[in-house]
Amino acid sequence: MSIRKKDLFARRRTRVRNRLKKVARGRLRLSVHRSNLHISAQLIDDDKGVTLASASSRDKSLGLERGSNVAAATKVGAAIAEKAREAGIAECYFDRGAFLYHGRVRALAEAAREGGLRF
């Protein structure tokens, strides 16, 4: 019996998210999604089930030519930090999902930290 790549990815995401939820109760979650072409981030309040702020490499306001590089991820990280600051959010926890903390995901996290978010 072979396990599909998709199933392994889902298992990894669940494992990471469950570990984080045990530690960070009552705090907002900065969720990151990375595809081959774009990267996006959302600040989510899990208690209410509401997205409070979001930023994506698809946003025209960022003026990106490509959304699949480290420079785009850095701009998205800065944008989500700015939107969080406008919404009065200073602290959250970082949910990388099943993505490795490397490359674009790391660039987004570091830019969000430089923008003032603490996690």
N, C-alpha and C. Protein backbone atom coordinates (compact mmCIF):
# COMPACT_ATOMS: atom_id res chain seq x y z
N MET A 1 0.84 -1.18 0.00
CA MET A 1 0.00 0.00 0.00
C MET A 1 0.89 1.24 0.00
N SER A 2 0.70 2.07 -0.98
CA SER A 2 1.51 3.29 -1.06
C SER A 2 0.69 4.48 -0.55
N ILE A 3 1.38 5.36 0.12
CA ILE A 3 0.74 6.56 0.65
C ILE A 3 0.99 7.68 -0.34
N ARG A 4 -0.09 8.38 -0.71
CA ARG A 4 0.05 9.45 -1.69
C ARG A 4 0.70 10.69 -1.07
N LYS A 5 1.35 11.46 -1.93
CA LYS A 5 2.01 12.69 -1.51
C LYS A 5 1.03 13.65 -0.84
N LYS A 6 -0.17 13.70 -1.39
CA LYS A 6 -1.22 14.57 -0.88
C LYS A 6 -1.59 14.20 0.56
N ASP A 7 -1.67 12.91 0.83
CA ASP A 7 -2.01 12.44 2.18
C ASP A 7 -0.90 12.77 3.17
N LEU A 8 0.35 12.62 2.76
CA LEU A 8 1.47 12.97 3.62
C LEU A 8 1.48 14.45 3.94
N PHE A 9 1.16 15.28 2.94
CA PHE A 9 1.10 16.72 3.13
C PHE A 9 0.02 17.08 4.14
N ALA A 10 -1.16 16.47 4.01
CA ALA A 10 -2.27 16.74 4.93
C ALA A 10 -1.92 16.30 6.35
N ARG A 11 -1.25 15.18 6.48
CA ARG A 11 -0.85 14.68 7.79
C ARG A 11 0.15 15.63 8.45
N ARG A 12 1.10 16.13 7.65
CA ARG A 12 2.12 17.06 8.15
C ARG A 12 1.45 18.37 8.60
N ARG A 13 0.50 18.88 7.82
CA ARG A 13 -0.20 20.11 8.17
C ARG A 13 -0.95 19.96 9.49
N THR A 14 -1.65 18.85 9.65
CA THR A 14 -2.40 18.60 10.87
C THR A 14 -1.47 18.51 12.07
N ARG A 15 -0.36 17.82 11.90
CA ARG A 15 0.60 17.66 12.99
C ARG A 15 1.15 19.01 13.45
N VAL A 16 1.53 19.86 12.50
CA VAL A 16 2.09 21.17 12.83
C VAL A 16 1.03 22.05 13.50
N ARG A 17 -0.16 22.07 12.94
CA ARG A 17 -1.21 22.92 13.47
C ARG A 17 -1.64 22.50 14.87
N ASN A 18 -1.72 21.20 15.12
CA ASN A 18 -2.11 20.72 16.45
C ASN A 18 -1.06 21.06 17.49
N ARG A 19 0.21 20.97 17.14
CA ARG A 19 1.27 21.36 18.07
C ARG A 19 1.17 22.83 18.42
N LEU A 20 0.91 23.65 17.42
CA LEU A 20 0.83 25.09 17.66
C LEU A 20 -0.38 25.45 18.51
N LYS A 21 -1.50 24.82 18.26
CA LYS A 21 -2.71 25.16 19.00
C LYS A 21 -2.61 24.83 20.48
N LYS A 22 -1.81 23.83 20.83
CA LYS A 22 -1.62 23.49 22.24
C LYS A 22 -0.86 24.60 22.96
N VAL A 23 0.07 25.22 22.27
CA VAL A 23 0.94 26.23 22.87
C VAL A 23 0.29 27.61 22.85
N ALA A 24 -0.39 27.94 21.79
CA ALA A 24 -0.81 29.32 21.56
C ALA A 24 -2.33 29.49 21.64
N ARG A 25 -2.89 29.24 22.77
CA ARG A 25 -4.35 29.39 22.92
C ARG A 25 -4.72 30.86 23.08
N GLY A 26 -5.80 31.23 22.41
CA GLY A 26 -6.30 32.59 22.55
C GLY A 26 -5.58 33.62 21.69
N ARG A 27 -4.55 33.20 20.95
CA ARG A 27 -3.83 34.14 20.09
C ARG A 27 -4.27 33.95 18.65
N LEU A 28 -4.01 34.93 17.85
CA LEU A 28 -4.34 34.86 16.43
C LEU A 28 -3.32 34.00 15.71
N ARG A 29 -3.73 33.49 14.55
CA ARG A 29 -2.87 32.62 13.77
C ARG A 29 -2.52 33.28 12.44
N LEU A 30 -1.23 33.36 12.13
CA LEU A 30 -0.76 33.84 10.84
C LEU A 30 -0.53 32.61 9.97
N SER A 31 -1.49 32.34 9.11
CA SER A 31 -1.46 31.15 8.27
C SER A 31 -0.87 31.49 6.91
N VAL A 32 0.04 30.66 6.44
CA VAL A 32 0.73 30.88 5.16
C VAL A 32 0.37 29.77 4.19
N HIS A 33 0.09 30.15 2.96
CA HIS A 33 -0.12 29.17 1.89
C HIS A 33 0.79 29.52 0.73
N ARG A 34 1.51 28.51 0.26
CA ARG A 34 2.46 28.70 -0.83
C ARG A 34 2.08 27.75 -1.96
N SER A 35 1.91 28.31 -3.14
CA SER A 35 1.68 27.47 -4.32
C SER A 35 2.87 27.65 -5.25
N ASN A 36 2.83 27.03 -6.39
CA ASN A 36 3.94 27.17 -7.34
C ASN A 36 4.02 28.59 -7.89
N LEU A 37 2.89 29.28 -7.97
CA LEU A 37 2.87 30.61 -8.60
C LEU A 37 2.72 31.76 -7.62
N HIS A 38 2.15 31.53 -6.44
CA HIS A 38 1.84 32.64 -5.53
C HIS A 38 2.08 32.23 -4.08
N ILE A 39 2.05 33.23 -3.21
CA ILE A 39 2.12 33.01 -1.77
C ILE A 39 1.12 33.96 -1.11
N SER A 40 0.47 33.48 -0.06
CA SER A 40 -0.50 34.32 0.63
C SER A 40 -0.42 34.08 2.13
N ALA A 41 -0.90 35.07 2.89
CA ALA A 41 -0.90 34.99 4.35
C ALA A 41 -2.21 35.56 4.86
N GLN A 42 -2.71 34.95 5.94
CA GLN A 42 -3.95 35.41 6.57
C GLN A 42 -3.77 35.45 8.07
N LEU A 43 -4.32 36.46 8.71
CA LEU A 43 -4.41 36.51 10.16
C LEU A 43 -5.81 36.05 10.54
N ILE A 44 -5.88 34.94 11.26
CA ILE A 44 -7.15 34.27 11.54
C ILE A 44 -7.39 34.22 13.05
N ASP A 45 -8.61 34.54 13.44
CA ASP A 45 -9.05 34.36 14.82
C ASP A 45 -9.82 33.05 14.86
N ASP A 46 -9.19 32.01 15.39
CA ASP A 46 -9.80 30.68 15.39
C ASP A 46 -10.99 30.57 16.34
N ASP A 47 -11.02 31.39 17.39
CA ASP A 47 -12.14 31.34 18.32
C ASP A 47 -13.44 31.79 17.65
N LYS A 48 -13.35 32.83 16.82
CA LYS A 48 -14.52 33.35 16.12
C LYS A 48 -14.66 32.78 14.72
N GLY A 49 -13.59 32.20 14.18
CA GLY A 49 -13.63 31.66 12.82
C GLY A 49 -13.64 32.76 11.77
N VAL A 50 -12.87 33.82 12.01
CA VAL A 50 -12.89 34.99 11.14
C VAL A 50 -11.47 35.33 10.68
N THR A 51 -11.36 35.72 9.42
CA THR A 51 -10.09 36.23 8.90
C THR A 51 -10.07 37.74 9.12
N LEU A 52 -9.07 38.23 9.83
CA LEU A 52 -9.00 39.65 10.17
C LEU A 52 -8.19 40.46 9.16
N ALA A 53 -7.18 39.85 8.56
CA ALA A 53 -6.37 40.55 7.56
C ALA A 53 -5.75 39.50 6.64
N SER A 54 -5.52 39.90 5.41
CA SER A 54 -4.89 38.99 4.47
C SER A 54 -4.05 39.76 3.46
N ALA A 55 -3.05 39.08 2.92
CA ALA A 55 -2.21 39.65 1.88
C ALA A 55 -1.79 38.52 0.96
N SER A 56 -1.64 38.85 -0.31
CA SER A 56 -1.30 37.83 -1.29
C SER A 56 -0.43 38.43 -2.38
N SER A 57 0.34 37.58 -3.03
CA SER A 57 1.15 38.04 -4.16
C SER A 57 0.28 38.34 -5.37
N ARG A 58 -1.00 38.00 -5.30
CA ARG A 58 -1.94 38.32 -6.38
C ARG A 58 -2.48 39.75 -6.27
N ASP A 59 -2.28 40.40 -5.11
CA ASP A 59 -2.77 41.76 -4.92
C ASP A 59 -2.10 42.70 -5.90
N LYS A 60 -2.90 43.45 -6.61
CA LYS A 60 -2.36 44.41 -7.59
C LYS A 60 -1.61 45.54 -6.90
N SER A 61 -1.97 45.85 -5.66
CA SER A 61 -1.36 46.98 -4.96
C SER A 61 0.12 46.74 -4.65
N LEU A 62 0.55 45.50 -4.62
CA LEU A 62 1.95 45.20 -4.35
C LEU A 62 2.83 45.40 -5.59
N GLY A 63 2.23 45.38 -6.77
CA GLY A 63 2.96 45.64 -8.00
C GLY A 63 4.02 44.60 -8.33
N LEU A 64 3.67 43.34 -8.15
CA LEU A 64 4.63 42.27 -8.40
C LEU A 64 4.51 41.73 -9.82
N GLU A 65 5.64 41.45 -10.43
CA GLU A 65 5.62 40.79 -11.74
C GLU A 65 5.42 39.30 -11.57
N ARG A 66 6.16 38.73 -10.60
CA ARG A 66 6.05 37.30 -10.31
C ARG A 66 5.74 37.14 -8.83
N GLY A 67 4.92 36.16 -8.52
CA GLY A 67 4.57 35.91 -7.13
C GLY A 67 5.27 34.70 -6.57
N SER A 68 6.19 34.14 -7.33
CA SER A 68 6.79 32.87 -6.91
C SER A 68 8.27 33.00 -6.59
N ASN A 69 8.67 34.15 -6.01
CA ASN A 69 10.07 34.29 -5.62
C ASN A 69 10.16 34.90 -4.22
N VAL A 70 11.37 34.94 -3.69
CA VAL A 70 11.60 35.42 -2.33
C VAL A 70 11.25 36.90 -2.20
N ALA A 71 11.51 37.68 -3.24
CA ALA A 71 11.19 39.11 -3.20
C ALA A 71 9.68 39.33 -3.04
N ALA A 72 8.89 38.53 -3.73
CA ALA A 72 7.43 38.63 -3.61
C ALA A 72 6.99 38.24 -2.21
N ALA A 73 7.58 37.19 -1.67
CA ALA A 73 7.22 36.74 -0.32
C ALA A 73 7.57 37.81 0.72
N THR A 74 8.68 38.51 0.50
CA THR A 74 9.07 39.58 1.41
C THR A 74 8.05 40.71 1.38
N LYS A 75 7.59 41.07 0.20
CA LYS A 75 6.58 42.13 0.09
C LYS A 75 5.26 41.72 0.73
N VAL A 76 4.88 40.45 0.56
CA VAL A 76 3.64 39.96 1.17
C VAL A 76 3.76 39.98 2.69
N GLY A 77 4.92 39.60 3.22
CA GLY A 77 5.16 39.65 4.67
C GLY A 77 5.06 41.05 5.22
N ALA A 78 5.64 42.01 4.50
CA ALA A 78 5.56 43.41 4.93
C ALA A 78 4.11 43.91 4.86
N ALA A 79 3.37 43.49 3.83
CA ALA A 79 1.99 43.92 3.66
C ALA A 79 1.09 43.37 4.78
N ILE A 80 1.29 42.11 5.14
CA ILE A 80 0.46 41.53 6.20
C ILE A 80 0.78 42.18 7.55
N ALA A 81 2.04 42.53 7.76
CA ALA A 81 2.42 43.22 9.00
C ALA A 81 1.79 44.60 9.06
N GLU A 82 1.74 45.30 7.95
CA GLU A 82 1.13 46.63 7.90
C GLU A 82 -0.38 46.55 8.15
N LYS A 83 -1.04 45.56 7.53
CA LYS A 83 -2.48 45.39 7.74
C LYS A 83 -2.78 45.00 9.18
N ALA A 84 -1.91 44.20 9.77
CA ALA A 84 -2.09 43.81 11.17
C ALA A 84 -1.94 45.03 12.08
N ARG A 85 -0.97 45.86 11.78
CA ARG A 85 -0.76 47.08 12.57
C ARG A 85 -1.98 47.99 12.48
N GLU A 86 -2.56 48.12 11.29
CA GLU A 86 -3.76 48.94 11.10
C GLU A 86 -4.94 48.38 11.88
N ALA A 87 -5.00 47.05 12.00
CA ALA A 87 -6.10 46.41 12.73
C ALA A 87 -5.82 46.34 14.23
N GLY A 88 -4.66 46.80 14.67
CA GLY A 88 -4.32 46.81 16.09
C GLY A 88 -3.83 45.47 16.60
N ILE A 89 -3.27 44.66 15.72
CA ILE A 89 -2.77 43.34 16.08
C ILE A 89 -1.25 43.40 16.18
N ALA A 90 -0.72 42.96 17.30
CA ALA A 90 0.73 43.00 17.49
C ALA A 90 1.33 41.61 17.67
N GLU A 91 0.52 40.64 18.10
CA GLU A 91 1.06 39.33 18.43
C GLU A 91 0.20 38.22 17.82
N CYS A 92 0.85 37.19 17.33
CA CYS A 92 0.17 36.05 16.74
C CYS A 92 1.11 34.86 16.82
N TYR A 93 0.67 33.74 16.29
CA TYR A 93 1.60 32.64 16.13
C TYR A 93 1.65 32.25 14.66
N PHE A 94 2.79 31.73 14.24
CA PHE A 94 3.07 31.49 12.83
C PHE A 94 2.72 30.05 12.48
N ASP A 95 1.76 29.89 11.58
CA ASP A 95 1.33 28.58 11.12
C ASP A 95 1.83 28.38 9.70
N ARG A 96 2.90 27.64 9.55
CA ARG A 96 3.47 27.41 8.23
C ARG A 96 2.76 26.29 7.50
N GLY A 97 1.80 25.67 8.15
CA GLY A 97 1.10 24.55 7.54
C GLY A 97 2.06 23.38 7.38
N ALA A 98 2.05 22.77 6.22
CA ALA A 98 2.96 21.65 5.96
C ALA A 98 4.19 22.10 5.20
N PHE A 99 4.34 23.41 5.01
CA PHE A 99 5.47 23.93 4.25
C PHE A 99 6.69 24.05 5.15
N LEU A 100 7.85 23.75 4.62
CA LEU A 100 9.08 23.86 5.38
C LEU A 100 9.41 25.32 5.62
N TYR A 101 9.99 25.61 6.78
CA TYR A 101 10.41 26.97 7.11
C TYR A 101 11.71 27.24 6.38
N HIS A 102 11.58 27.57 5.10
CA HIS A 102 12.74 27.70 4.22
C HIS A 102 12.31 28.51 3.00
N GLY A 103 13.19 29.27 2.45
CA GLY A 103 12.91 29.98 1.20
C GLY A 103 11.83 31.04 1.34
N ARG A 104 10.76 30.89 0.56
CA ARG A 104 9.70 31.89 0.53
C ARG A 104 8.95 32.00 1.84
N VAL A 105 8.72 30.88 2.51
CA VAL A 105 8.00 30.91 3.78
C VAL A 105 8.82 31.65 4.83
N ARG A 106 10.11 31.39 4.85
CA ARG A 106 11.00 32.06 5.79
C ARG A 106 11.09 33.56 5.49
N ALA A 107 11.16 33.92 4.21
CA ALA A 107 11.24 35.33 3.82
C ALA A 107 9.99 36.08 4.26
N LEU A 108 8.82 35.46 4.10
CA LEU A 108 7.57 36.08 4.53
C LEU A 108 7.57 36.29 6.04
N ALA A 109 8.00 35.28 6.78
CA ALA A 109 8.02 35.37 8.25
C ALA A 109 8.97 36.46 8.72
N GLU A 110 10.15 36.53 8.15
CA GLU A 110 11.13 37.54 8.57
C GLU A 110 10.65 38.95 8.24
N ALA A 111 10.01 39.12 7.08
CA ALA A 111 9.49 40.44 6.71
C ALA A 111 8.35 40.86 7.64
N ALA A 112 7.51 39.89 8.04
CA ALA A 112 6.42 40.20 8.97
C ALA A 112 6.98 40.61 10.34
N ARG A 113 8.05 39.94 10.77
CA ARG A 113 8.68 40.30 12.03
C ARG A 113 9.29 41.70 11.96
N GLU A 114 9.95 42.00 10.85
CA GLU A 114 10.53 43.33 10.67
C GLU A 114 9.45 44.40 10.63
N GLY A 115 8.26 44.03 10.14
CA GLY A 115 7.14 44.96 10.08
C GLY A 115 6.46 45.19 11.42
N GLY A 116 6.84 44.43 12.43
CA GLY A 116 6.29 44.68 13.76
C GLY A 116 5.49 43.56 14.36
N LEU A 117 5.19 42.51 13.63
CA LEU A 117 4.47 41.38 14.20
C LEU A 117 5.40 40.55 15.08
N ARG A 118 4.87 40.12 16.22
CA ARG A 118 5.66 39.26 17.12
C ARG A 118 5.07 37.85 17.09
N PHE A 119 5.92 36.88 16.83
CA PHE A 119 5.52 35.47 16.93
C PHE A 119 6.72 34.61 17.18
